[in-house]
């Protein structure tokens, strides 16, 4: 069951749209995840500097900034993550070519399924 697969996993969601981040967080919580939500690069990096997460979902465009500094830190720490964007995957820098990409809009079940496969190493390996 999917709820059991994410149980005990801490998931970081970085999304600047309050409604979307809340909906995504509730979906992940309903599947057993422990979710932390941030809407900017500084807050997310600050949390990551002192806490562990198992996987993250990063919206590429956060207002006027991009989430790439967070993505770079996840690469450095070898923590899996997904990129979420309303832009094209081709716009993502080449260093993230191996990272699962989810285009907006998408279903929450699609996000959960990709997150489950990623957290268990089926989509992303470092």
PDB file of N, CA and C in Angstrom:
ATOM      1  N   UNK A   1       0.839  -1.179   0.000  1.00  0.00           N
ATOM      2  CA  UNK A   1       0.000   0.000   0.000  1.00  0.00           C
ATOM      3  C   UNK A   1       0.885   1.244   0.000  1.00  0.00           C
ATOM      4  N   UNK A   2       0.527   2.252  -0.775  1.00  0.00           N
ATOM      5  CA  UNK A   2       1.348   3.446  -0.911  1.00  0.00           C
ATOM      6  C   UNK A   2       1.577   4.161   0.409  1.00  0.00           C
ATOM      7  N   UNK A   3       0.563   4.211   1.274  1.00  0.00           N
ATOM      8  CA  UNK A   3       0.714   4.909   2.547  1.00  0.00           C
ATOM      9  C   UNK A   3       1.859   4.325   3.351  1.00  0.00           C
ATOM     10  N   UNK A   4       2.038   3.034   3.296  1.00  0.00           N
ATOM     11  CA  UNK A   4       3.101   2.394   4.044  1.00  0.00           C
ATOM     12  C   UNK A   4       4.467   2.680   3.435  1.00  0.00           C
ATOM     13  N   UNK A   5       4.528   2.893   2.149  1.00  0.00           N
ATOM     14  CA  UNK A   5       5.805   3.122   1.479  1.00  0.00           C
ATOM     15  C   UNK A   5       6.422   4.459   1.887  1.00  0.00           C
ATOM     16  N   UNK A   6       5.629   5.498   2.065  1.00  0.00           N
ATOM     17  CA  UNK A   6       6.154   6.812   2.455  1.00  0.00           C
ATOM     18  C   UNK A   6       6.164   7.016   3.967  1.00  0.00           C
ATOM     19  N   UNK A   7       5.639   6.076   4.716  1.00  0.00           N
ATOM     20  CA  UNK A   7       5.589   6.214   6.164  1.00  0.00           C
ATOM     21  C   UNK A   7       6.996   6.380   6.722  1.00  0.00           C
ATOM     22  N   UNK A   8       7.152   7.407   7.531  1.00  0.00           N
ATOM     23  CA  UNK A   8       8.448   7.663   8.145  1.00  0.00           C
ATOM     24  C   UNK A   8       9.425   8.412   7.260  1.00  0.00           C
ATOM     25  N   UNK A   9       9.042   8.730   6.044  1.00  0.00           N
ATOM     26  CA  UNK A   9       9.919   9.481   5.143  1.00  0.00           C
ATOM     27  C   UNK A   9       9.657  10.979   5.326  1.00  0.00           C
ATOM     28  N   UNK A  10      10.723  11.734   5.517  1.00  0.00           N
ATOM     29  CA  UNK A  10      10.579  13.188   5.599  1.00  0.00           C
ATOM     30  C   UNK A  10      10.738  13.746   4.188  1.00  0.00           C
ATOM     31  N   UNK A  11       9.715  14.447   3.751  1.00  0.00           N
ATOM     32  CA  UNK A  11       9.681  15.011   2.410  1.00  0.00           C
ATOM     33  C   UNK A  11       9.699  16.534   2.501  1.00  0.00           C
ATOM     34  N   UNK A  12      10.628  17.147   1.789  1.00  0.00           N
ATOM     35  CA  UNK A  12      10.652  18.597   1.698  1.00  0.00           C
ATOM     36  C   UNK A  12       9.932  19.009   0.421  1.00  0.00           C
ATOM     37  N   UNK A  13       8.974  19.892   0.560  1.00  0.00           N
ATOM     38  CA  UNK A  13       8.272  20.470  -0.580  1.00  0.00           C
ATOM     39  C   UNK A  13       8.644  21.944  -0.628  1.00  0.00           C
ATOM     40  N   UNK A  14       9.192  22.374  -1.750  1.00  0.00           N
ATOM     41  CA  UNK A  14       9.534  23.783  -1.934  1.00  0.00           C
ATOM     42  C   UNK A  14       8.685  24.291  -3.085  1.00  0.00           C
ATOM     43  N   UNK A  15       7.689  25.086  -2.733  1.00  0.00           N
ATOM     44  CA  UNK A  15       6.695  25.577  -3.691  1.00  0.00           C
ATOM     45  C   UNK A  15       6.207  26.921  -3.180  1.00  0.00           C
ATOM     46  N   UNK A  16       6.235  27.937  -4.050  1.00  0.00           N
ATOM     47  CA  UNK A  16       5.844  29.273  -3.608  1.00  0.00           C
ATOM     48  C   UNK A  16       4.343  29.541  -3.709  1.00  0.00           C
ATOM     49  N   UNK A  17       3.602  28.684  -4.337  1.00  0.00           N
ATOM     50  CA  UNK A  17       2.147  28.842  -4.401  1.00  0.00           C
ATOM     51  C   UNK A  17       1.537  28.153  -3.186  1.00  0.00           C
ATOM     52  N   UNK A  18       0.970  28.948  -2.301  1.00  0.00           N
ATOM     53  CA  UNK A  18       0.454  28.447  -1.033  1.00  0.00           C
ATOM     54  C   UNK A  18      -0.595  27.352  -1.221  1.00  0.00           C
ATOM     55  N   UNK A  19      -1.483  27.511  -2.162  1.00  0.00           N
ATOM     56  CA  UNK A  19      -2.531  26.519  -2.385  1.00  0.00           C
ATOM     57  C   UNK A  19      -1.927  25.216  -2.899  1.00  0.00           C
ATOM     58  N   UNK A  20      -1.038  25.309  -3.896  1.00  0.00           N
ATOM     59  CA  UNK A  20      -0.407  24.098  -4.429  1.00  0.00           C
ATOM     60  C   UNK A  20       0.430  23.385  -3.384  1.00  0.00           C
ATOM     61  N   UNK A  21       1.205  24.137  -2.619  1.00  0.00           N
ATOM     62  CA  UNK A  21       2.054  23.490  -1.608  1.00  0.00           C
ATOM     63  C   UNK A  21       1.202  22.811  -0.551  1.00  0.00           C
ATOM     64  N   UNK A  22       0.109  23.438  -0.160  1.00  0.00           N
ATOM     65  CA  UNK A  22      -0.784  22.830   0.818  1.00  0.00           C
ATOM     66  C   UNK A  22      -1.430  21.564   0.300  1.00  0.00           C
ATOM     67  N   UNK A  23      -1.880  21.597  -0.956  1.00  0.00           N
ATOM     68  CA  UNK A  23      -2.497  20.410  -1.559  1.00  0.00           C
ATOM     69  C   UNK A  23      -1.495  19.267  -1.687  1.00  0.00           C
ATOM     70  N   UNK A  24      -0.285  19.595  -2.141  1.00  0.00           N
ATOM     71  CA  UNK A  24       0.752  18.571  -2.283  1.00  0.00           C
ATOM     72  C   UNK A  24       1.103  17.995  -0.914  1.00  0.00           C
ATOM     73  N   UNK A  25       1.275  18.868   0.079  1.00  0.00           N
ATOM     74  CA  UNK A  25       1.621  18.405   1.423  1.00  0.00           C
ATOM     75  C   UNK A  25       0.536  17.479   1.966  1.00  0.00           C
ATOM     76  N   UNK A  26      -0.720  17.850   1.814  1.00  0.00           N
ATOM     77  CA  UNK A  26      -1.809  17.008   2.320  1.00  0.00           C
ATOM     78  C   UNK A  26      -1.835  15.655   1.626  1.00  0.00           C
ATOM     79  N   UNK A  27      -1.580  15.645   0.335  1.00  0.00           N
ATOM     80  CA  UNK A  27      -1.530  14.378  -0.393  1.00  0.00           C
ATOM     81  C   UNK A  27      -0.417  13.495   0.138  1.00  0.00           C
ATOM     82  N   UNK A  28       0.759  14.064   0.334  1.00  0.00           N
ATOM     83  CA  UNK A  28       1.891  13.280   0.834  1.00  0.00           C
ATOM     84  C   UNK A  28       1.658  12.803   2.260  1.00  0.00           C
ATOM     85  N   UNK A  29       1.068  13.652   3.083  1.00  0.00           N
ATOM     86  CA  UNK A  29       0.742  13.269   4.457  1.00  0.00           C
ATOM     87  C   UNK A  29      -0.246  12.112   4.453  1.00  0.00           C
ATOM     88  N   UNK A  30      -1.217  12.158   3.543  1.00  0.00           N
ATOM     89  CA  UNK A  30      -2.202  11.078   3.480  1.00  0.00           C
ATOM     90  C   UNK A  30      -1.574   9.760   3.036  1.00  0.00           C
ATOM     91  N   UNK A  31      -0.378   9.833   2.466  1.00  0.00           N
ATOM     92  CA  UNK A  31       0.359   8.632   2.069  1.00  0.00           C
ATOM     93  C   UNK A  31       1.445   8.277   3.090  1.00  0.00           C
ATOM     94  N   UNK A  32       1.390   8.905   4.263  1.00  0.00           N
ATOM     95  CA  UNK A  32       2.269   8.528   5.354  1.00  0.00           C
ATOM     96  C   UNK A  32       3.523   9.361   5.535  1.00  0.00           C
ATOM     97  N   UNK A  33       3.771  10.341   4.675  1.00  0.00           N
ATOM     98  CA  UNK A  33       5.005  11.120   4.760  1.00  0.00           C
ATOM     99  C   UNK A  33       4.944  12.174   5.857  1.00  0.00           C
ATOM    100  N   UNK A  34       6.113  12.512   6.378  1.00  0.00           N
ATOM    101  CA  UNK A  34       6.306  13.649   7.270  1.00  0.00           C
ATOM    102  C   UNK A  34       6.765  14.779   6.347  1.00  0.00           C
ATOM    103  N   UNK A  35       5.986  15.836   6.224  1.00  0.00           N
ATOM    104  CA  UNK A  35       6.233  16.858   5.208  1.00  0.00           C
ATOM    105  C   UNK A  35       6.635  18.184   5.843  1.00  0.00           C
ATOM    106  N   UNK A  36       7.668  18.798   5.266  1.00  0.00           N
ATOM    107  CA  UNK A  36       8.049  20.163   5.610  1.00  0.00           C
ATOM    108  C   UNK A  36       7.951  20.988   4.331  1.00  0.00           C
ATOM    109  N   UNK A  37       7.377  22.185   4.452  1.00  0.00           N
ATOM    110  CA  UNK A  37       7.104  23.017   3.282  1.00  0.00           C
ATOM    111  C   UNK A  37       7.824  24.355   3.420  1.00  0.00           C
ATOM    112  N   UNK A  38       8.436  24.773   2.309  1.00  0.00           N
ATOM    113  CA  UNK A  38       9.106  26.071   2.248  1.00  0.00           C
ATOM    114  C   UNK A  38       8.723  26.764   0.948  1.00  0.00           C
ATOM    115  N   UNK A  39       8.817  28.089   0.947  1.00  0.00           N
ATOM    116  CA  UNK A  39       8.446  28.821  -0.259  1.00  0.00           C
ATOM    117  C   UNK A  39       9.576  29.669  -0.825  1.00  0.00           C
ATOM    118  N   UNK A  40      10.791  29.503  -0.271  1.00  0.00           N
ATOM    119  CA  UNK A  40      11.929  30.248  -0.802  1.00  0.00           C
ATOM    120  C   UNK A  40      13.224  29.475  -0.566  1.00  0.00           C
ATOM    121  N   UNK A  41      14.243  29.860  -1.295  1.00  0.00           N
ATOM    122  CA  UNK A  41      15.530  29.164  -1.266  1.00  0.00           C
ATOM    123  C   UNK A  41      16.196  29.274   0.103  1.00  0.00           C
ATOM    124  N   UNK A  42      16.249  30.462   0.661  1.00  0.00           N
ATOM    125  CA  UNK A  42      16.954  30.677   1.928  1.00  0.00           C
ATOM    126  C   UNK A  42      16.389  29.822   3.056  1.00  0.00           C
ATOM    127  N   UNK A  43      15.086  29.792   3.195  1.00  0.00           N
ATOM    128  CA  UNK A  43      14.457  29.007   4.265  1.00  0.00           C
ATOM    129  C   UNK A  43      14.711  27.515   4.082  1.00  0.00           C
ATOM    130  N   UNK A  44      14.589  27.055   2.848  1.00  0.00           N
ATOM    131  CA  UNK A  44      14.802  25.627   2.574  1.00  0.00           C
ATOM    132  C   UNK A  44      16.240  25.227   2.864  1.00  0.00           C
ATOM    133  N   UNK A  45      17.197  26.028   2.411  1.00  0.00           N
ATOM    134  CA  UNK A  45      18.608  25.718   2.674  1.00  0.00           C
ATOM    135  C   UNK A  45      18.922  25.797   4.160  1.00  0.00           C
ATOM    136  N   UNK A  46      18.331  26.755   4.857  1.00  0.00           N
ATOM    137  CA  UNK A  46      18.540  26.869   6.296  1.00  0.00           C
ATOM    138  C   UNK A  46      18.063  25.628   7.031  1.00  0.00           C
ATOM    139  N   UNK A  47      16.900  25.125   6.660  1.00  0.00           N
ATOM    140  CA  UNK A  47      16.373  23.908   7.266  1.00  0.00           C
ATOM    141  C   UNK A  47      17.274  22.727   6.939  1.00  0.00           C
ATOM    142  N   UNK A  48      17.658  22.628   5.681  1.00  0.00           N
ATOM    143  CA  UNK A  48      18.476  21.504   5.237  1.00  0.00           C
ATOM    144  C   UNK A  48      19.844  21.486   5.916  1.00  0.00           C
ATOM    145  N   UNK A  49      20.337  22.654   6.290  1.00  0.00           N
ATOM    146  CA  UNK A  49      21.628  22.728   6.969  1.00  0.00           C
ATOM    147  C   UNK A  49      21.629  22.079   8.340  1.00  0.00           C
ATOM    148  N   UNK A  50      20.453  21.940   8.948  1.00  0.00           N
ATOM    149  CA  UNK A  50      20.363  21.403  10.310  1.00  0.00           C
ATOM    150  C   UNK A  50      19.466  20.183  10.443  1.00  0.00           C
ATOM    151  N   UNK A  51      18.872  19.731   9.343  1.00  0.00           N
ATOM    152  CA  UNK A  51      17.915  18.642   9.396  1.00  0.00           C
ATOM    153  C   UNK A  51      18.083  17.721   8.200  1.00  0.00           C
ATOM    154  N   UNK A  52      17.645  16.485   8.370  1.00  0.00           N
ATOM    155  CA  UNK A  52      17.712  15.522   7.287  1.00  0.00           C
ATOM    156  C   UNK A  52      16.353  15.397   6.613  1.00  0.00           C
ATOM    157  N   UNK A  53      16.371  15.221   5.299  1.00  0.00           N
ATOM    158  CA  UNK A  53      15.161  14.867   4.562  1.00  0.00           C
ATOM    159  C   UNK A  53      15.501  13.654   3.697  1.00  0.00           C
ATOM    160  N   UNK A  54      14.484  12.843   3.421  1.00  0.00           N
ATOM    161  CA  UNK A  54      14.684  11.648   2.603  1.00  0.00           C
ATOM    162  C   UNK A  54      14.566  11.942   1.119  1.00  0.00           C
ATOM    163  N   UNK A  55      13.731  12.912   0.774  1.00  0.00           N
ATOM    164  CA  UNK A  55      13.464  13.240  -0.623  1.00  0.00           C
ATOM    165  C   UNK A  55      12.816  14.613  -0.663  1.00  0.00           C
ATOM    166  N   UNK A  56      12.907  15.275  -1.827  1.00  0.00           N
ATOM    167  CA  UNK A  56      12.306  16.599  -1.954  1.00  0.00           C
ATOM    168  C   UNK A  56      11.614  16.759  -3.297  1.00  0.00           C
ATOM    169  N   UNK A  57      10.664  17.652  -3.284  1.00  0.00           N
ATOM    170  CA  UNK A  57       9.969  18.085  -4.490  1.00  0.00           C
ATOM    171  C   UNK A  57      10.207  19.582  -4.594  1.00  0.00           C
ATOM    172  N   UNK A  58      10.920  19.996  -5.645  1.00  0.00           N
ATOM    173  CA  UNK A  58      11.303  21.397  -5.799  1.00  0.00           C
ATOM    174  C   UNK A  58      10.621  22.027  -7.000  1.00  0.00           C
ATOM    175  N   UNK A  59       9.821  23.049  -6.755  1.00  0.00           N
ATOM    176  CA  UNK A  59       9.313  23.849  -7.853  1.00  0.00           C
ATOM    177  C   UNK A  59      10.497  24.658  -8.373  1.00  0.00           C
ATOM    178  N   UNK A  60      10.716  24.647  -9.665  1.00  0.00           N
ATOM    179  CA  UNK A  60      11.875  25.341 -10.232  1.00  0.00           C
ATOM    180  C   UNK A  60      11.782  26.848 -10.016  1.00  0.00           C
ATOM    181  N   UNK A  61      10.642  27.433 -10.309  1.00  0.00           N
ATOM    182  CA  UNK A  61      10.463  28.885 -10.233  1.00  0.00           C
ATOM    183  C   UNK A  61       9.789  29.249  -8.920  1.00  0.00           C
ATOM    184  N   UNK A  62      10.518  29.940  -8.070  1.00  0.00           N
ATOM    185  CA  UNK A  62       9.992  30.390  -6.782  1.00  0.00           C
ATOM    186  C   UNK A  62       9.923  31.905  -6.802  1.00  0.00           C
ATOM    187  N   UNK A  63       8.837  32.435  -7.298  1.00  0.00           N
ATOM    188  CA  UNK A  63       8.736  33.885  -7.435  1.00  0.00           C
ATOM    189  C   UNK A  63       9.797  34.384  -8.389  1.00  0.00           C
ATOM    190  N   UNK A  64      10.701  35.206  -7.875  1.00  0.00           N
ATOM    191  CA  UNK A  64      11.776  35.762  -8.709  1.00  0.00           C
ATOM    192  C   UNK A  64      13.073  34.971  -8.633  1.00  0.00           C
ATOM    193  N   UNK A  65      13.076  33.896  -7.872  1.00  0.00           N
ATOM    194  CA  UNK A  65      14.294  33.097  -7.763  1.00  0.00           C
ATOM    195  C   UNK A  65      14.042  31.678  -8.262  1.00  0.00           C
ATOM    196  N   UNK A  66      15.140  30.986  -8.530  1.00  0.00           N
ATOM    197  CA  UNK A  66      15.072  29.595  -8.972  1.00  0.00           C
ATOM    198  C   UNK A  66      15.542  28.686  -7.844  1.00  0.00           C
ATOM    199  N   UNK A  67      15.035  27.478  -7.811  1.00  0.00           N
ATOM    200  CA  UNK A  67      15.374  26.544  -6.729  1.00  0.00           C
ATOM    201  C   UNK A  67      16.679  25.791  -6.975  1.00  0.00           C
ATOM    202  N   UNK A  68      17.440  26.140  -7.984  1.00  0.00           N
ATOM    203  CA  UNK A  68      18.658  25.401  -8.312  1.00  0.00           C
ATOM    204  C   UNK A  68      19.691  25.341  -7.183  1.00  0.00           C
ATOM    205  N   UNK A  69      19.844  26.383  -6.353  1.00  0.00           N
ATOM    206  CA  UNK A  69      20.789  26.235  -5.236  1.00  0.00           C
ATOM    207  C   UNK A  69      20.379  25.107  -4.275  1.00  0.00           C
ATOM    208  N   UNK A  70      19.085  24.905  -4.099  1.00  0.00           N
ATOM    209  CA  UNK A  70      18.613  23.801  -3.261  1.00  0.00           C
ATOM    210  C   UNK A  70      18.915  22.478  -3.959  1.00  0.00           C
ATOM    211  N   UNK A  71      18.632  22.422  -5.252  1.00  0.00           N
ATOM    212  CA  UNK A  71      18.900  21.208  -6.022  1.00  0.00           C
ATOM    213  C   UNK A  71      20.389  20.858  -5.984  1.00  0.00           C
ATOM    214  N   UNK A  72      21.244  21.858  -6.098  1.00  0.00           N
ATOM    215  CA  UNK A  72      22.690  21.609  -6.015  1.00  0.00           C
ATOM    216  C   UNK A  72      23.076  21.019  -4.660  1.00  0.00           C
ATOM    217  N   UNK A  73      22.448  21.507  -3.596  1.00  0.00           N
ATOM    218  CA  UNK A  73      22.739  20.978  -2.263  1.00  0.00           C
ATOM    219  C   UNK A  73      22.265  19.533  -2.140  1.00  0.00           C
ATOM    220  N   UNK A  74      21.115  19.222  -2.713  1.00  0.00           N
ATOM    221  CA  UNK A  74      20.655  17.831  -2.701  1.00  0.00           C
ATOM    222  C   UNK A  74      21.606  16.933  -3.479  1.00  0.00           C
ATOM    223  N   UNK A  75      22.121  17.414  -4.604  1.00  0.00           N
ATOM    224  CA  UNK A  75      23.112  16.629  -5.344  1.00  0.00           C
ATOM    225  C   UNK A  75      24.348  16.389  -4.487  1.00  0.00           C
ATOM    226  N   UNK A  76      24.816  17.441  -3.829  1.00  0.00           N
ATOM    227  CA  UNK A  76      26.010  17.340  -2.984  1.00  0.00           C
ATOM    228  C   UNK A  76      25.812  16.334  -1.860  1.00  0.00           C
ATOM    229  N   UNK A  77      24.606  16.325  -1.282  1.00  0.00           N
ATOM    230  CA  UNK A  77      24.299  15.436  -0.159  1.00  0.00           C
ATOM    231  C   UNK A  77      23.813  14.056  -0.603  1.00  0.00           C
ATOM    232  N   UNK A  78      23.677  13.869  -1.919  1.00  0.00           N
ATOM    233  CA  UNK A  78      23.186  12.592  -2.474  1.00  0.00           C
ATOM    234  C   UNK A  78      21.787  12.243  -1.967  1.00  0.00           C
ATOM    235  N   UNK A  79      20.936  13.258  -1.885  1.00  0.00           N
ATOM    236  CA  UNK A  79      19.543  13.067  -1.483  1.00  0.00           C
ATOM    237  C   UNK A  79      18.689  13.198  -2.738  1.00  0.00           C
ATOM    238  N   UNK A  80      17.828  12.222  -2.995  1.00  0.00           N
ATOM    239  CA  UNK A  80      16.998  12.284  -4.204  1.00  0.00           C
ATOM    240  C   UNK A  80      15.964  13.404  -4.142  1.00  0.00           C
ATOM    241  N   UNK A  81      15.661  13.940  -5.321  1.00  0.00           N
ATOM    242  CA  UNK A  81      14.652  14.990  -5.418  1.00  0.00           C
ATOM    243  C   UNK A  81      14.030  14.967  -6.802  1.00  0.00           C
ATOM    244  N   UNK A  82      12.898  15.642  -6.902  1.00  0.00           N
ATOM    245  CA  UNK A  82      12.198  15.803  -8.169  1.00  0.00           C
ATOM    246  C   UNK A  82      12.084  17.288  -8.444  1.00  0.00           C
ATOM    247  N   UNK A  83      12.086  17.647  -9.713  1.00  0.00           N
ATOM    248  CA  UNK A  83      11.855  19.024 -10.112  1.00  0.00           C
ATOM    249  C   UNK A  83      10.438  19.133 -10.664  1.00  0.00           C
ATOM    250  N   UNK A  84       9.767  20.196 -10.295  1.00  0.00           N
ATOM    251  CA  UNK A  84       8.394  20.470 -10.711  1.00  0.00           C
ATOM    252  C   UNK A  84       8.387  21.838 -11.369  1.00  0.00           C
ATOM    253  N   UNK A  85       7.770  21.925 -12.550  1.00  0.00           N
ATOM    254  CA  UNK A  85       7.789  23.223 -13.233  1.00  0.00           C
ATOM    255  C   UNK A  85       6.689  23.339 -14.265  1.00  0.00           C
ATOM    256  N   UNK A  86       6.246  24.549 -14.439  1.00  0.00           N
ATOM    257  CA  UNK A  86       5.331  24.874 -15.522  1.00  0.00           C
ATOM    258  C   UNK A  86       6.087  25.171 -16.809  1.00  0.00           C
ATOM    259  N   UNK A  87       7.408  25.246 -16.723  1.00  0.00           N
ATOM    260  CA  UNK A  87       8.253  25.469 -17.892  1.00  0.00           C
ATOM    261  C   UNK A  87       8.640  24.127 -18.501  1.00  0.00           C
ATOM    262  N   UNK A  88       9.326  24.174 -19.612  1.00  0.00           N
ATOM    263  CA  UNK A  88       9.745  22.942 -20.292  1.00  0.00           C
ATOM    264  C   UNK A  88      10.962  22.325 -19.602  1.00  0.00           C
ATOM    265  N   UNK A  89      11.038  21.008 -19.678  1.00  0.00           N
ATOM    266  CA  UNK A  89      12.176  20.303 -19.114  1.00  0.00           C
ATOM    267  C   UNK A  89      13.473  20.737 -19.793  1.00  0.00           C
ATOM    268  N   UNK A  90      13.390  21.106 -21.046  1.00  0.00           N
ATOM    269  CA  UNK A  90      14.580  21.535 -21.787  1.00  0.00           C
ATOM    270  C   UNK A  90      15.194  22.807 -21.197  1.00  0.00           C
ATOM    271  N   UNK A  91      14.421  23.562 -20.397  1.00  0.00           N
ATOM    272  CA  UNK A  91      14.929  24.781 -19.768  1.00  0.00           C
ATOM    273  C   UNK A  91      15.763  24.505 -18.520  1.00  0.00           C
ATOM    274  N   UNK A  92      15.739  23.281 -18.033  1.00  0.00           N
ATOM    275  CA  UNK A  92      16.476  22.905 -16.828  1.00  0.00           C
ATOM    276  C   UNK A  92      17.953  22.714 -17.199  1.00  0.00           C
ATOM    277  N   UNK A  93      18.881  23.215 -16.372  1.00  0.00           N
ATOM    278  CA  UNK A  93      20.313  23.041 -16.665  1.00  0.00           C
ATOM    279  C   UNK A  93      20.701  21.571 -16.819  1.00  0.00           C
ATOM    280  N   UNK A  94      21.677  21.328 -17.639  1.00  0.00           N
ATOM    281  CA  UNK A  94      22.115  19.969 -17.965  1.00  0.00           C
ATOM    282  C   UNK A  94      22.534  19.173 -16.735  1.00  0.00           C
ATOM    283  N   UNK A  95      23.041  19.836 -15.703  1.00  0.00           N
ATOM    284  CA  UNK A  95      23.476  19.100 -14.510  1.00  0.00           C
ATOM    285  C   UNK A  95      22.322  18.394 -13.796  1.00  0.00           C
ATOM    286  N   UNK A  96      21.084  18.760 -14.152  1.00  0.00           N
ATOM    287  CA  UNK A  96      19.914  18.116 -13.558  1.00  0.00           C
ATOM    288  C   UNK A  96      19.185  17.223 -14.556  1.00  0.00           C
ATOM    289  N   UNK A  97      19.841  16.870 -15.640  1.00  0.00           N
ATOM    290  CA  UNK A  97      19.202  16.062 -16.689  1.00  0.00           C
ATOM    291  C   UNK A  97      18.736  14.700 -16.178  1.00  0.00           C
ATOM    292  N   UNK A  98      19.408  14.146 -15.183  1.00  0.00           N
ATOM    293  CA  UNK A  98      19.056  12.829 -14.634  1.00  0.00           C
ATOM    294  C   UNK A  98      17.976  12.890 -13.549  1.00  0.00           C
ATOM    295  N   UNK A  99      17.571  14.089 -13.173  1.00  0.00           N
ATOM    296  CA  UNK A  99      16.599  14.266 -12.093  1.00  0.00           C
ATOM    297  C   UNK A  99      15.179  14.136 -12.653  1.00  0.00           C
ATOM    298  N   UNK A 100      14.323  13.360 -11.995  1.00  0.00           N
ATOM    299  CA  UNK A 100      12.932  13.258 -12.462  1.00  0.00           C
ATOM    300  C   UNK A 100      12.279  14.635 -12.543  1.00  0.00           C
ATOM    301  N   UNK A 101      11.582  14.872 -13.634  1.00  0.00           N
ATOM    302  CA  UNK A 101      10.951  16.160 -13.906  1.00  0.00           C
ATOM    303  C   UNK A 101       9.451  15.945 -14.049  1.00  0.00           C
ATOM    304  N   UNK A 102       8.685  16.786 -13.367  1.00  0.00           N
ATOM    305  CA  UNK A 102       7.229  16.728 -13.442  1.00  0.00           C
ATOM    306  C   UNK A 102       6.736  18.074 -13.957  1.00  0.00           C
ATOM    307  N   UNK A 103       6.004  18.047 -15.064  1.00  0.00           N
ATOM    308  CA  UNK A 103       5.451  19.270 -15.614  1.00  0.00           C
ATOM    309  C   UNK A 103       4.141  19.640 -14.941  1.00  0.00           C
ATOM    310  N   UNK A 104       3.950  20.938 -14.750  1.00  0.00           N
ATOM    311  CA  UNK A 104       2.682  21.439 -14.207  1.00  0.00           C
ATOM    312  C   UNK A 104       1.750  21.702 -15.380  1.00  0.00           C
ATOM    313  N   UNK A 105       0.506  21.466 -15.239  1.00  0.00           N
ATOM    314  CA  UNK A 105      -0.149  20.837 -14.090  1.00  0.00           C
ATOM    315  C   UNK A 105       0.031  19.328 -14.133  1.00  0.00           C
ATOM    316  N   UNK A 106      -0.072  18.711 -12.970  1.00  0.00           N
ATOM    317  CA  UNK A 106       0.014  17.253 -12.871  1.00  0.00           C
ATOM    318  C   UNK A 106      -0.896  16.800 -11.744  1.00  0.00           C
ATOM    319  N   UNK A 107      -1.226  15.544 -11.768  1.00  0.00           N
ATOM    320  CA  UNK A 107      -2.074  15.016 -10.700  1.00  0.00           C
ATOM    321  C   UNK A 107      -1.218  14.729  -9.476  1.00  0.00           C
ATOM    322  N   UNK A 108      -1.845  14.802  -8.327  1.00  0.00           N
ATOM    323  CA  UNK A 108      -1.116  14.499  -7.099  1.00  0.00           C
ATOM    324  C   UNK A 108      -0.725  13.033  -7.052  1.00  0.00           C
ATOM    325  N   UNK A 109      -1.552  12.174  -7.618  1.00  0.00           N
ATOM    326  CA  UNK A 109      -1.217  10.757  -7.647  1.00  0.00           C
ATOM    327  C   UNK A 109       0.015  10.503  -8.510  1.00  0.00           C
ATOM    328  N   UNK A 110       0.162  11.267  -9.598  1.00  0.00           N
ATOM    329  CA  UNK A 110       1.361  11.159 -10.433  1.00  0.00           C
ATOM    330  C   UNK A 110       2.598  11.557  -9.623  1.00  0.00           C
ATOM    331  N   UNK A 111       2.483  12.652  -8.858  1.00  0.00           N
ATOM    332  CA  UNK A 111       3.593  13.091  -8.009  1.00  0.00           C
ATOM    333  C   UNK A 111       3.959  12.027  -6.987  1.00  0.00           C
ATOM    334  N   UNK A 112       2.947  11.480  -6.334  1.00  0.00           N
ATOM    335  CA  UNK A 112       3.185  10.468  -5.304  1.00  0.00           C
ATOM    336  C   UNK A 112       3.842   9.234  -5.905  1.00  0.00           C
ATOM    337  N   UNK A 113       3.348   8.775  -7.043  1.00  0.00           N
ATOM    338  CA  UNK A 113       3.918   7.587  -7.682  1.00  0.00           C
ATOM    339  C   UNK A 113       5.388   7.815  -8.050  1.00  0.00           C
ATOM    340  N   UNK A 114       5.691   8.973  -8.615  1.00  0.00           N
ATOM    341  CA  UNK A 114       7.076   9.271  -8.990  1.00  0.00           C
ATOM    342  C   UNK A 114       7.946   9.425  -7.744  1.00  0.00           C
ATOM    343  N   UNK A 115       7.393  10.024  -6.702  1.00  0.00           N
ATOM    344  CA  UNK A 115       8.152  10.182  -5.468  1.00  0.00           C
ATOM    345  C   UNK A 115       8.454   8.821  -4.838  1.00  0.00           C
ATOM    346  N   UNK A 116       7.481   7.932  -4.843  1.00  0.00           N
ATOM    347  CA  UNK A 116       7.688   6.595  -4.293  1.00  0.00           C
ATOM    348  C   UNK A 116       8.782   5.862  -5.061  1.00  0.00           C
ATOM    349  N   UNK A 117       8.719   5.908  -6.385  1.00  0.00           N
ATOM    350  CA  UNK A 117       9.747   5.216  -7.154  1.00  0.00           C
ATOM    351  C   UNK A 117      11.109   5.868  -6.980  1.00  0.00           C
ATOM    352  N   UNK A 118      11.145   7.178  -6.808  1.00  0.00           N
ATOM    353  CA  UNK A 118      12.414   7.881  -6.622  1.00  0.00           C
ATOM    354  C   UNK A 118      13.015   7.598  -5.255  1.00  0.00           C
ATOM    355  N   UNK A 119      12.211   7.638  -4.220  1.00  0.00           N
ATOM    356  CA  UNK A 119      12.731   7.430  -2.870  1.00  0.00           C
ATOM    357  C   UNK A 119      13.242   6.007  -2.691  1.00  0.00           C
ATOM    358  N   UNK A 120      12.741   5.087  -3.514  1.00  0.00           N
ATOM    359  CA  UNK A 120      13.208   3.714  -3.426  1.00  0.00           C
ATOM    360  C   UNK A 120      14.239   3.380  -4.502  1.00  0.00           C
ATOM    361  N   UNK A 121      14.758   4.435  -5.162  1.00  0.00           N
ATOM    362  CA  UNK A 121      15.884   4.252  -6.060  1.00  0.00           C
ATOM    363  C   UNK A 121      15.564   3.759  -7.452  1.00  0.00           C
ATOM    364  N   UNK A 122      14.309   3.713  -7.829  1.00  0.00           N
ATOM    365  CA  UNK A 122      13.957   3.207  -9.146  1.00  0.00           C
ATOM    366  C   UNK A 122      14.112   4.272 -10.225  1.00  0.00           C
ATOM    367  N   UNK A 123      14.132   5.529  -9.857  1.00  0.00           N
ATOM    368  CA  UNK A 123      14.208   6.604 -10.848  1.00  0.00           C
ATOM    369  C   UNK A 123      15.516   7.384 -10.792  1.00  0.00           C
ATOM    370  N   UNK A 124      16.101   7.478  -9.626  1.00  0.00           N
ATOM    371  CA  UNK A 124      17.237   8.361  -9.473  1.00  0.00           C
ATOM    372  C   UNK A 124      18.314   7.685  -8.642  1.00  0.00           C
ATOM    373  N   UNK A 125      19.491   7.588  -9.195  1.00  0.00           N
ATOM    374  CA  UNK A 125      20.603   7.047  -8.431  1.00  0.00           C
ATOM    375  C   UNK A 125      21.760   8.029  -8.500  1.00  0.00           C
ATOM    376  N   UNK A 126      22.523   8.084  -7.432  1.00  0.00           N
ATOM    377  CA  UNK A 126      23.680   8.976  -7.389  1.00  0.00           C
ATOM    378  C   UNK A 126      24.941   8.148  -7.294  1.00  0.00           C
TER     379      UNK A 126
END
